[in-house]
N, C-alpha and C. Protein backbone atom coordinates (compact mmCIF):
# COMPACT_ATOMS: atom_id res chain seq x y z
N MET A 1 -8.94 140.84 184.62
CA MET A 1 -9.26 139.47 184.29
C MET A 1 -8.46 138.99 183.09
N PHE A 2 -8.37 139.80 182.03
CA PHE A 2 -7.56 139.50 180.87
C PHE A 2 -6.54 140.62 180.74
N PRO A 3 -5.42 140.50 181.43
CA PRO A 3 -4.46 141.61 181.41
C PRO A 3 -3.83 141.79 180.04
N ASN A 4 -3.97 142.97 179.51
CA ASN A 4 -3.35 143.33 178.24
C ASN A 4 -2.62 144.64 178.45
N SER A 5 -1.44 144.73 177.89
CA SER A 5 -0.73 145.99 177.97
C SER A 5 -1.35 146.97 177.00
N THR A 6 -1.03 148.24 177.18
CA THR A 6 -1.53 149.26 176.27
C THR A 6 -1.07 148.97 174.85
N ASP A 7 0.18 148.53 174.69
CA ASP A 7 0.69 148.20 173.36
C ASP A 7 -0.10 147.06 172.72
N ASP A 8 -0.48 146.06 173.53
CA ASP A 8 -1.28 144.95 173.00
C ASP A 8 -2.64 145.44 172.53
N LEU A 9 -3.28 146.31 173.31
CA LEU A 9 -4.59 146.83 172.93
C LEU A 9 -4.51 147.67 171.66
N ILE A 10 -3.47 148.45 171.53
CA ILE A 10 -3.28 149.25 170.31
C ILE A 10 -3.11 148.32 169.11
N LEU A 11 -2.27 147.30 169.27
CA LEU A 11 -2.05 146.34 168.19
C LEU A 11 -3.36 145.65 167.81
N GLU A 12 -4.13 145.23 168.80
CA GLU A 12 -5.37 144.52 168.52
C GLU A 12 -6.37 145.42 167.80
N LYS A 13 -6.42 146.68 168.17
CA LYS A 13 -7.30 147.63 167.48
C LYS A 13 -6.84 147.83 166.04
N LEU A 14 -5.54 147.93 165.85
CA LEU A 14 -5.01 148.08 164.49
C LEU A 14 -5.31 146.84 163.64
N ILE A 15 -5.25 145.68 164.25
CA ILE A 15 -5.56 144.44 163.54
C ILE A 15 -7.02 144.45 163.08
N VAL A 16 -7.94 144.87 163.95
CA VAL A 16 -9.35 144.94 163.56
C VAL A 16 -9.52 145.93 162.42
N LEU A 17 -8.88 147.08 162.50
CA LEU A 17 -8.95 148.06 161.42
C LEU A 17 -8.39 147.49 160.13
N TYR A 18 -7.28 146.78 160.23
CA TYR A 18 -6.66 146.17 159.05
C TYR A 18 -7.60 145.16 158.40
N ILE A 19 -8.22 144.32 159.22
CA ILE A 19 -9.15 143.31 158.69
C ILE A 19 -10.32 143.99 158.00
N LEU A 20 -10.96 144.96 158.69
CA LEU A 20 -12.12 145.63 158.11
C LEU A 20 -11.77 146.35 156.81
N ASN A 21 -10.58 146.89 156.75
CA ASN A 21 -10.15 147.60 155.55
C ASN A 21 -9.86 146.66 154.38
N ASN A 22 -9.54 145.41 154.66
CA ASN A 22 -9.15 144.48 153.62
C ASN A 22 -10.24 143.49 153.23
N LEU A 23 -11.44 143.72 153.71
CA LEU A 23 -12.57 142.87 153.34
C LEU A 23 -13.27 143.42 152.11
N GLU A 24 -13.94 142.55 151.38
CA GLU A 24 -14.66 142.94 150.17
C GLU A 24 -15.89 143.78 150.49
N GLU A 25 -16.48 143.55 151.65
CA GLU A 25 -17.68 144.27 152.05
C GLU A 25 -17.78 144.27 153.57
N ASP A 26 -18.71 145.05 154.09
CA ASP A 26 -18.90 145.12 155.52
C ASP A 26 -19.33 143.75 156.03
N VAL A 27 -18.99 143.46 157.29
CA VAL A 27 -19.22 142.11 157.83
C VAL A 27 -20.04 142.15 159.11
N THR A 28 -20.63 141.01 159.42
CA THR A 28 -21.38 140.84 160.65
C THR A 28 -20.42 140.53 161.79
N ASP A 29 -20.96 140.57 162.98
CA ASP A 29 -20.20 140.20 164.18
C ASP A 29 -19.65 138.79 164.04
N SER A 30 -20.49 137.87 163.58
CA SER A 30 -20.03 136.48 163.47
C SER A 30 -18.96 136.31 162.39
N GLN A 31 -19.06 137.04 161.29
CA GLN A 31 -18.03 136.94 160.26
C GLN A 31 -16.69 137.48 160.78
N LEU A 32 -16.74 138.61 161.48
CA LEU A 32 -15.51 139.18 162.04
C LEU A 32 -14.94 138.25 163.10
N THR A 33 -15.80 137.69 163.94
CA THR A 33 -15.35 136.75 164.97
C THR A 33 -14.70 135.52 164.32
N GLN A 34 -15.29 135.05 163.24
CA GLN A 34 -14.74 133.90 162.51
C GLN A 34 -13.31 134.21 162.04
N ILE A 35 -13.12 135.36 161.46
CA ILE A 35 -11.80 135.74 160.95
C ILE A 35 -10.80 135.81 162.09
N ILE A 36 -11.20 136.47 163.18
CA ILE A 36 -10.30 136.63 164.34
C ILE A 36 -9.95 135.27 164.93
N SER A 37 -10.95 134.40 165.11
CA SER A 37 -10.67 133.11 165.73
C SER A 37 -9.86 132.19 164.84
N LYS A 38 -10.13 132.21 163.54
CA LYS A 38 -9.40 131.32 162.62
C LYS A 38 -7.96 131.76 162.40
N THR A 39 -7.71 133.07 162.51
CA THR A 39 -6.33 133.55 162.34
C THR A 39 -5.58 133.58 163.66
N ASP A 40 -6.32 133.45 164.75
CA ASP A 40 -5.72 133.40 166.09
C ASP A 40 -4.88 134.64 166.40
N VAL A 41 -5.37 135.80 165.98
CA VAL A 41 -4.64 137.05 166.22
C VAL A 41 -5.05 137.73 167.53
N MET A 42 -6.18 137.30 168.10
CA MET A 42 -6.61 137.77 169.43
C MET A 42 -7.74 136.86 169.88
N ASN A 43 -8.10 136.98 171.16
CA ASN A 43 -9.19 136.14 171.64
C ASN A 43 -10.54 136.85 171.50
N TYR A 44 -11.58 136.08 171.58
CA TYR A 44 -12.95 136.57 171.37
C TYR A 44 -13.31 137.68 172.36
N PHE A 45 -12.94 137.49 173.62
CA PHE A 45 -13.33 138.46 174.66
C PHE A 45 -12.67 139.82 174.42
N THR A 46 -11.43 139.80 174.01
CA THR A 46 -10.74 141.04 173.69
C THR A 46 -11.43 141.72 172.51
N LEU A 47 -11.78 140.95 171.50
CA LEU A 47 -12.48 141.51 170.34
C LEU A 47 -13.76 142.20 170.76
N MET A 48 -14.56 141.55 171.61
CA MET A 48 -15.84 142.14 172.02
C MET A 48 -15.63 143.45 172.78
N VAL A 49 -14.61 143.51 173.61
CA VAL A 49 -14.33 144.73 174.38
C VAL A 49 -13.86 145.85 173.46
N ILE A 50 -12.93 145.55 172.57
CA ILE A 50 -12.38 146.63 171.75
C ILE A 50 -13.34 147.08 170.65
N LEU A 51 -14.23 146.19 170.20
CA LEU A 51 -15.22 146.61 169.20
C LEU A 51 -16.05 147.78 169.73
N GLN A 52 -16.55 147.63 170.94
CA GLN A 52 -17.37 148.70 171.52
C GLN A 52 -16.56 149.98 171.68
N LYS A 53 -15.32 149.86 172.13
CA LYS A 53 -14.47 151.05 172.30
C LYS A 53 -14.17 151.71 170.96
N MET A 54 -14.00 150.90 169.93
CA MET A 54 -13.69 151.45 168.60
C MET A 54 -14.91 152.12 167.98
N ILE A 55 -16.09 151.61 168.29
CA ILE A 55 -17.32 152.27 167.83
C ILE A 55 -17.46 153.62 168.54
N GLU A 56 -17.24 153.63 169.85
CA GLU A 56 -17.32 154.88 170.61
C GLU A 56 -16.29 155.90 170.13
N SER A 57 -15.13 155.42 169.72
CA SER A 57 -14.07 156.30 169.22
C SER A 57 -14.28 156.70 167.76
N LYS A 58 -15.29 156.10 167.14
CA LYS A 58 -15.64 156.37 165.74
C LYS A 58 -14.57 155.91 164.75
N PHE A 59 -13.84 154.85 165.13
CA PHE A 59 -12.88 154.24 164.21
C PHE A 59 -13.58 153.20 163.34
N ILE A 60 -14.62 152.60 163.89
CA ILE A 60 -15.47 151.71 163.11
C ILE A 60 -16.91 152.11 163.36
N MET A 61 -17.77 151.72 162.44
CA MET A 61 -19.19 151.98 162.64
C MET A 61 -19.94 150.67 162.60
N CYS A 62 -21.05 150.69 163.30
CA CYS A 62 -21.92 149.54 163.38
C CYS A 62 -23.29 150.03 162.91
N TYR A 63 -23.87 149.32 161.94
CA TYR A 63 -25.18 149.74 161.43
C TYR A 63 -25.99 148.51 161.06
N THR A 64 -27.28 148.70 160.92
CA THR A 64 -28.18 147.60 160.59
C THR A 64 -28.68 147.77 159.17
N LYS A 65 -28.60 146.68 158.41
CA LYS A 65 -29.09 146.67 157.04
C LYS A 65 -29.73 145.31 156.80
N ASN A 66 -30.98 145.33 156.37
CA ASN A 66 -31.71 144.09 156.11
C ASN A 66 -31.68 143.14 157.30
N ASN A 67 -31.95 143.70 158.47
CA ASN A 67 -32.00 142.93 159.72
C ASN A 67 -30.67 142.29 160.09
N ARG A 68 -29.58 142.83 159.60
CA ARG A 68 -28.24 142.32 159.94
C ARG A 68 -27.41 143.48 160.46
N THR A 69 -26.70 143.27 161.54
CA THR A 69 -25.80 144.28 162.08
C THR A 69 -24.45 144.10 161.42
N LEU A 70 -23.96 145.18 160.81
CA LEU A 70 -22.71 145.14 160.06
C LEU A 70 -21.68 146.09 160.66
N TYR A 71 -20.42 145.75 160.48
CA TYR A 71 -19.30 146.57 160.93
C TYR A 71 -18.50 147.04 159.73
N ALA A 72 -18.05 148.29 159.80
CA ALA A 72 -17.24 148.87 158.72
C ALA A 72 -16.24 149.84 159.31
N ILE A 73 -15.12 150.00 158.63
CA ILE A 73 -14.12 150.97 159.04
C ILE A 73 -14.61 152.36 158.62
N THR A 74 -14.35 153.36 159.45
CA THR A 74 -14.73 154.74 159.13
C THR A 74 -13.52 155.46 158.53
N GLN A 75 -13.75 156.68 158.08
CA GLN A 75 -12.64 157.48 157.56
C GLN A 75 -11.59 157.71 158.65
N SER A 76 -12.03 157.98 159.88
CA SER A 76 -11.09 158.17 160.99
C SER A 76 -10.28 156.90 161.24
N GLY A 77 -10.96 155.76 161.19
CA GLY A 77 -10.27 154.48 161.37
C GLY A 77 -9.25 154.24 160.27
N LEU A 78 -9.61 154.59 159.05
CA LEU A 78 -8.70 154.43 157.92
C LEU A 78 -7.47 155.32 158.09
N GLU A 79 -7.68 156.54 158.55
CA GLU A 79 -6.55 157.45 158.78
C GLU A 79 -5.61 156.92 159.84
N VAL A 80 -6.18 156.38 160.92
CA VAL A 80 -5.35 155.79 161.99
C VAL A 80 -4.58 154.60 161.43
N LEU A 81 -5.25 153.75 160.67
CA LEU A 81 -4.60 152.58 160.10
C LEU A 81 -3.46 152.98 159.17
N VAL A 82 -3.69 153.92 158.31
CA VAL A 82 -2.64 154.36 157.37
C VAL A 82 -1.42 154.87 158.16
N TYR A 83 -1.69 155.62 159.19
CA TYR A 83 -0.60 156.22 159.95
C TYR A 83 0.17 155.19 160.79
N PHE A 84 -0.54 154.20 161.35
CA PHE A 84 0.09 153.28 162.31
C PHE A 84 0.20 151.83 161.82
N GLN A 85 -0.13 151.56 160.56
CA GLN A 85 -0.12 150.18 160.07
C GLN A 85 1.25 149.53 160.23
N ASN A 86 2.29 150.31 160.19
CA ASN A 86 3.63 149.75 160.33
C ASN A 86 3.87 149.12 161.71
N ARG A 87 2.97 149.35 162.66
CA ARG A 87 3.08 148.73 163.99
C ARG A 87 2.55 147.29 164.01
N ILE A 88 1.86 146.89 162.95
CA ILE A 88 1.35 145.52 162.88
C ILE A 88 2.48 144.64 162.34
N PRO A 89 2.89 143.66 163.12
CA PRO A 89 3.97 142.78 162.65
C PRO A 89 3.61 142.09 161.32
N ASP A 90 4.61 141.92 160.48
CA ASP A 90 4.40 141.33 159.16
C ASP A 90 3.74 139.95 159.23
N PHE A 91 4.08 139.16 160.25
CA PHE A 91 3.51 137.81 160.32
C PHE A 91 2.00 137.86 160.57
N PHE A 92 1.51 138.89 161.27
CA PHE A 92 0.06 139.04 161.44
C PHE A 92 -0.59 139.42 160.11
N ILE A 93 0.02 140.35 159.40
CA ILE A 93 -0.51 140.79 158.11
C ILE A 93 -0.54 139.62 157.13
N GLU A 94 0.54 138.86 157.08
CA GLU A 94 0.60 137.70 156.18
C GLU A 94 -0.45 136.66 156.54
N LYS A 95 -0.62 136.42 157.83
CA LYS A 95 -1.59 135.44 158.32
C LYS A 95 -3.02 135.88 157.95
N ILE A 96 -3.33 137.14 158.17
CA ILE A 96 -4.66 137.68 157.87
C ILE A 96 -4.90 137.67 156.36
N ASP A 97 -3.94 138.19 155.60
CA ASP A 97 -4.08 138.22 154.14
C ASP A 97 -4.29 136.83 153.56
N LYS A 98 -3.52 135.87 154.03
CA LYS A 98 -3.64 134.50 153.55
C LYS A 98 -5.03 133.94 153.88
N TYR A 99 -5.50 134.16 155.10
CA TYR A 99 -6.80 133.65 155.49
C TYR A 99 -7.91 134.30 154.65
N LEU A 100 -7.86 135.62 154.49
CA LEU A 100 -8.89 136.31 153.72
C LEU A 100 -8.91 135.82 152.27
N LYS A 101 -7.75 135.60 151.71
CA LYS A 101 -7.67 135.15 150.31
C LYS A 101 -8.20 133.72 150.17
N GLU A 102 -7.78 132.84 151.07
CA GLU A 102 -8.14 131.42 150.95
C GLU A 102 -9.56 131.11 151.41
N ASN A 103 -10.17 132.00 152.20
CA ASN A 103 -11.46 131.69 152.79
C ASN A 103 -12.55 132.70 152.49
N SER A 104 -12.38 133.48 151.45
CA SER A 104 -13.38 134.52 151.17
C SER A 104 -14.76 133.92 150.93
N GLU A 105 -14.82 132.79 150.26
CA GLU A 105 -16.12 132.16 150.02
C GLU A 105 -16.79 131.76 151.33
N GLU A 106 -16.02 131.19 152.24
CA GLU A 106 -16.56 130.79 153.55
C GLU A 106 -16.98 132.01 154.37
N ILE A 107 -16.19 133.07 154.33
CA ILE A 107 -16.49 134.28 155.09
C ILE A 107 -17.81 134.88 154.63
N TYR A 108 -18.02 134.92 153.34
CA TYR A 108 -19.21 135.55 152.79
C TYR A 108 -20.32 134.55 152.48
N SER A 109 -20.22 133.34 153.02
CA SER A 109 -21.22 132.32 152.69
C SER A 109 -22.62 132.71 153.12
N SER A 110 -22.75 133.59 154.10
CA SER A 110 -24.08 134.02 154.52
C SER A 110 -24.52 135.29 153.81
N VAL A 111 -23.69 135.79 152.92
CA VAL A 111 -24.02 137.01 152.20
C VAL A 111 -25.03 136.70 151.10
N ILE A 112 -26.00 137.56 150.99
CA ILE A 112 -27.04 137.39 149.98
C ILE A 112 -26.63 138.15 148.72
N LYS A 113 -26.72 137.47 147.58
CA LYS A 113 -26.38 138.08 146.29
C LYS A 113 -27.54 137.92 145.34
N LYS A 114 -27.45 138.59 144.20
CA LYS A 114 -28.54 138.56 143.23
C LYS A 114 -28.04 138.27 141.84
N GLN A 115 -28.99 137.82 141.01
CA GLN A 115 -28.76 137.68 139.58
C GLN A 115 -30.06 138.03 138.88
N SER A 116 -29.95 138.59 137.71
CA SER A 116 -31.15 138.85 136.92
C SER A 116 -30.80 138.71 135.44
N SER A 117 -31.79 138.25 134.67
CA SER A 117 -31.58 138.13 133.23
C SER A 117 -32.94 138.11 132.54
N TYR A 118 -32.89 138.36 131.24
CA TYR A 118 -34.11 138.25 130.44
C TYR A 118 -33.72 137.77 129.05
N SER A 119 -34.70 137.15 128.41
CA SER A 119 -34.46 136.68 127.04
C SER A 119 -35.78 136.71 126.27
N LEU A 120 -35.65 136.83 124.97
CA LEU A 120 -36.81 136.84 124.10
C LEU A 120 -37.44 135.46 124.09
N GLN A 121 -38.76 135.46 124.21
CA GLN A 121 -39.49 134.19 124.26
C GLN A 121 -40.48 134.22 123.09
N GLY A 122 -40.19 133.50 122.06
CA GLY A 122 -41.05 133.56 120.87
C GLY A 122 -40.83 134.89 120.16
N ASP A 123 -41.91 135.45 119.62
CA ASP A 123 -41.79 136.70 118.86
C ASP A 123 -42.16 137.94 119.66
N SER A 124 -42.91 137.77 120.77
CA SER A 124 -43.46 138.99 121.37
C SER A 124 -43.28 139.15 122.87
N SER A 125 -42.85 138.14 123.57
CA SER A 125 -42.72 138.30 125.02
C SER A 125 -41.29 137.99 125.47
N TYR A 126 -41.02 138.38 126.70
CA TYR A 126 -39.68 138.19 127.27
C TYR A 126 -39.79 137.41 128.56
N ALA A 127 -38.90 136.45 128.75
CA ALA A 127 -38.82 135.69 129.99
C ALA A 127 -37.81 136.40 130.89
N VAL A 128 -38.22 136.72 132.11
CA VAL A 128 -37.37 137.40 133.09
C VAL A 128 -37.10 136.43 134.23
N THR A 129 -35.85 136.31 134.63
CA THR A 129 -35.48 135.47 135.76
C THR A 129 -34.76 136.32 136.79
N LEU A 130 -35.25 136.28 138.02
CA LEU A 130 -34.67 137.03 139.14
C LEU A 130 -34.29 136.02 140.21
N ILE A 131 -33.04 136.07 140.67
CA ILE A 131 -32.53 135.03 141.57
C ILE A 131 -31.88 135.67 142.80
N ILE A 132 -32.06 135.02 143.96
CA ILE A 132 -31.36 135.37 145.19
C ILE A 132 -30.49 134.18 145.56
N ILE A 133 -29.21 134.46 145.85
CA ILE A 133 -28.27 133.41 146.23
C ILE A 133 -27.71 133.76 147.60
N GLU A 134 -27.76 132.80 148.50
CA GLU A 134 -27.17 132.98 149.83
C GLU A 134 -26.04 131.97 149.95
N GLY A 135 -24.82 132.50 150.02
CA GLY A 135 -23.67 131.61 149.99
C GLY A 135 -23.62 130.90 148.67
N ARG A 136 -23.72 129.59 148.69
CA ARG A 136 -23.73 128.80 147.46
C ARG A 136 -25.13 128.33 147.08
N LYS A 137 -26.11 128.64 147.94
CA LYS A 137 -27.46 128.14 147.72
C LYS A 137 -28.33 129.15 147.00
N ASN A 138 -29.06 128.67 146.02
CA ASN A 138 -30.07 129.46 145.36
C ASN A 138 -31.30 129.40 146.27
N VAL A 139 -31.65 130.53 146.93
CA VAL A 139 -32.75 130.50 147.88
C VAL A 139 -34.06 131.01 147.29
N MET A 140 -34.01 131.71 146.16
CA MET A 140 -35.24 132.18 145.54
C MET A 140 -35.00 132.41 144.05
N THR A 141 -35.92 131.89 143.25
CA THR A 141 -35.91 132.15 141.82
C THR A 141 -37.31 132.56 141.41
N ILE A 142 -37.40 133.67 140.72
CA ILE A 142 -38.68 134.15 140.21
C ILE A 142 -38.58 134.18 138.70
N ASN A 143 -39.48 133.48 138.04
CA ASN A 143 -39.56 133.48 136.58
C ASN A 143 -40.88 134.12 136.20
N MET A 144 -40.83 135.04 135.25
CA MET A 144 -42.06 135.67 134.79
C MET A 144 -41.94 136.05 133.33
N SER A 145 -43.07 136.26 132.74
CA SER A 145 -43.12 136.67 131.35
C SER A 145 -43.67 138.09 131.28
N VAL A 146 -43.02 138.93 130.47
CA VAL A 146 -43.48 140.31 130.28
C VAL A 146 -43.61 140.59 128.79
N ASP A 147 -44.31 141.67 128.47
CA ASP A 147 -44.66 141.94 127.07
C ASP A 147 -43.59 142.67 126.27
N SER A 148 -42.66 143.36 126.95
CA SER A 148 -41.70 144.15 126.17
C SER A 148 -40.29 144.06 126.76
N GLU A 149 -39.32 144.34 125.92
CA GLU A 149 -37.93 144.36 126.37
C GLU A 149 -37.72 145.49 127.37
N VAL A 150 -38.37 146.61 127.16
CA VAL A 150 -38.27 147.75 128.09
C VAL A 150 -38.71 147.32 129.48
N GLU A 151 -39.83 146.62 129.57
CA GLU A 151 -40.34 146.15 130.85
C GLU A 151 -39.38 145.13 131.48
N ALA A 152 -38.82 144.24 130.67
CA ALA A 152 -37.87 143.24 131.16
C ALA A 152 -36.62 143.92 131.72
N LYS A 153 -36.08 144.89 130.98
CA LYS A 153 -34.91 145.62 131.45
C LYS A 153 -35.20 146.35 132.75
N GLU A 154 -36.38 146.96 132.85
CA GLU A 154 -36.75 147.71 134.04
C GLU A 154 -36.88 146.79 135.26
N LEU A 155 -37.46 145.62 135.08
CA LEU A 155 -37.56 144.65 136.18
C LEU A 155 -36.17 144.23 136.66
N CYS A 156 -35.28 143.94 135.73
CA CYS A 156 -33.91 143.54 136.09
C CYS A 156 -33.19 144.68 136.81
N LYS A 157 -33.37 145.88 136.30
CA LYS A 157 -32.73 147.05 136.92
C LYS A 157 -33.22 147.25 138.34
N LYS A 158 -34.53 147.19 138.55
CA LYS A 158 -35.10 147.36 139.89
C LYS A 158 -34.65 146.24 140.82
N TRP A 159 -34.59 145.02 140.32
CA TRP A 159 -34.14 143.88 141.12
C TRP A 159 -32.69 144.07 141.54
N ASN A 160 -31.85 144.46 140.60
CA ASN A 160 -30.43 144.65 140.90
C ASN A 160 -30.21 145.78 141.90
N HIS A 161 -31.07 146.77 141.85
CA HIS A 161 -30.93 147.92 142.74
C HIS A 161 -31.41 147.63 144.16
N SER A 162 -32.50 146.87 144.30
CA SER A 162 -33.09 146.70 145.63
C SER A 162 -33.48 145.25 145.92
N TYR A 163 -32.68 144.32 145.47
CA TYR A 163 -33.01 142.91 145.63
C TYR A 163 -33.14 142.49 147.08
N ARG A 164 -32.31 143.05 147.96
CA ARG A 164 -32.39 142.66 149.38
C ARG A 164 -33.73 143.07 149.98
N ASP A 165 -34.16 144.28 149.68
CA ASP A 165 -35.45 144.75 150.18
C ASP A 165 -36.59 143.93 149.59
N LYS A 166 -36.51 143.65 148.29
CA LYS A 166 -37.56 142.86 147.62
C LYS A 166 -37.61 141.45 148.21
N TYR A 167 -36.46 140.87 148.46
CA TYR A 167 -36.38 139.53 149.06
C TYR A 167 -37.07 139.53 150.41
N THR A 168 -36.77 140.52 151.24
CA THR A 168 -37.39 140.64 152.57
C THR A 168 -38.89 140.83 152.44
N GLU A 169 -39.33 141.68 151.51
CA GLU A 169 -40.75 141.91 151.30
C GLU A 169 -41.47 140.64 150.87
N ILE A 170 -40.87 139.88 149.97
CA ILE A 170 -41.48 138.64 149.49
C ILE A 170 -41.59 137.64 150.64
N LEU A 171 -40.54 137.53 151.45
CA LEU A 171 -40.59 136.63 152.60
C LEU A 171 -41.67 137.06 153.58
N ASP A 172 -41.78 138.36 153.81
CA ASP A 172 -42.84 138.87 154.70
C ASP A 172 -44.22 138.52 154.17
N ILE A 173 -44.42 138.69 152.88
CA ILE A 173 -45.72 138.36 152.27
C ILE A 173 -46.03 136.89 152.43
N LEU A 174 -45.06 136.04 152.19
CA LEU A 174 -45.29 134.60 152.26
C LEU A 174 -45.44 134.09 153.68
N ASN A 175 -44.87 134.80 154.65
CA ASN A 175 -44.96 134.36 156.05
C ASN A 175 -46.20 134.86 156.76
N VAL A 176 -47.02 135.68 156.11
CA VAL A 176 -48.22 136.23 156.77
C VAL A 176 -49.33 135.23 156.79
């Protein structure tokens, strides 16, 4: 139905490995599809076929984190890329690099990030602020007062370590 030569399939697999290796973090199916479609380096149907084959070959891995399916390059995929990257034409690399550089904010707009801070409030308590940001939107802010700097630091540390889990737990509590 979509005739591709063996060389084309190899190139397309190398392109996927190159993209995954040059991203700031693991990406969802839709983020990877966005990159592929915007750079016009292959069509969507080819991507869907080779993704599954690359997972089976253990060149990329697919895993679920915080109810999101993510894709990442594996050590085997990295080794293949290092060895065969010279088969990717320079114009593809330039096109991908340019897109990733110019559109990183758009690519990661659905990525959830965190912020935490604390400050002395009067003489004896500390104001703690914990924030969740999705893309450019502040989706959750928690302000609280605690009695000691140690407690404030510990809250910030725990938030920074497991903010995604805490965000999901808070949403679950509020949706019950």
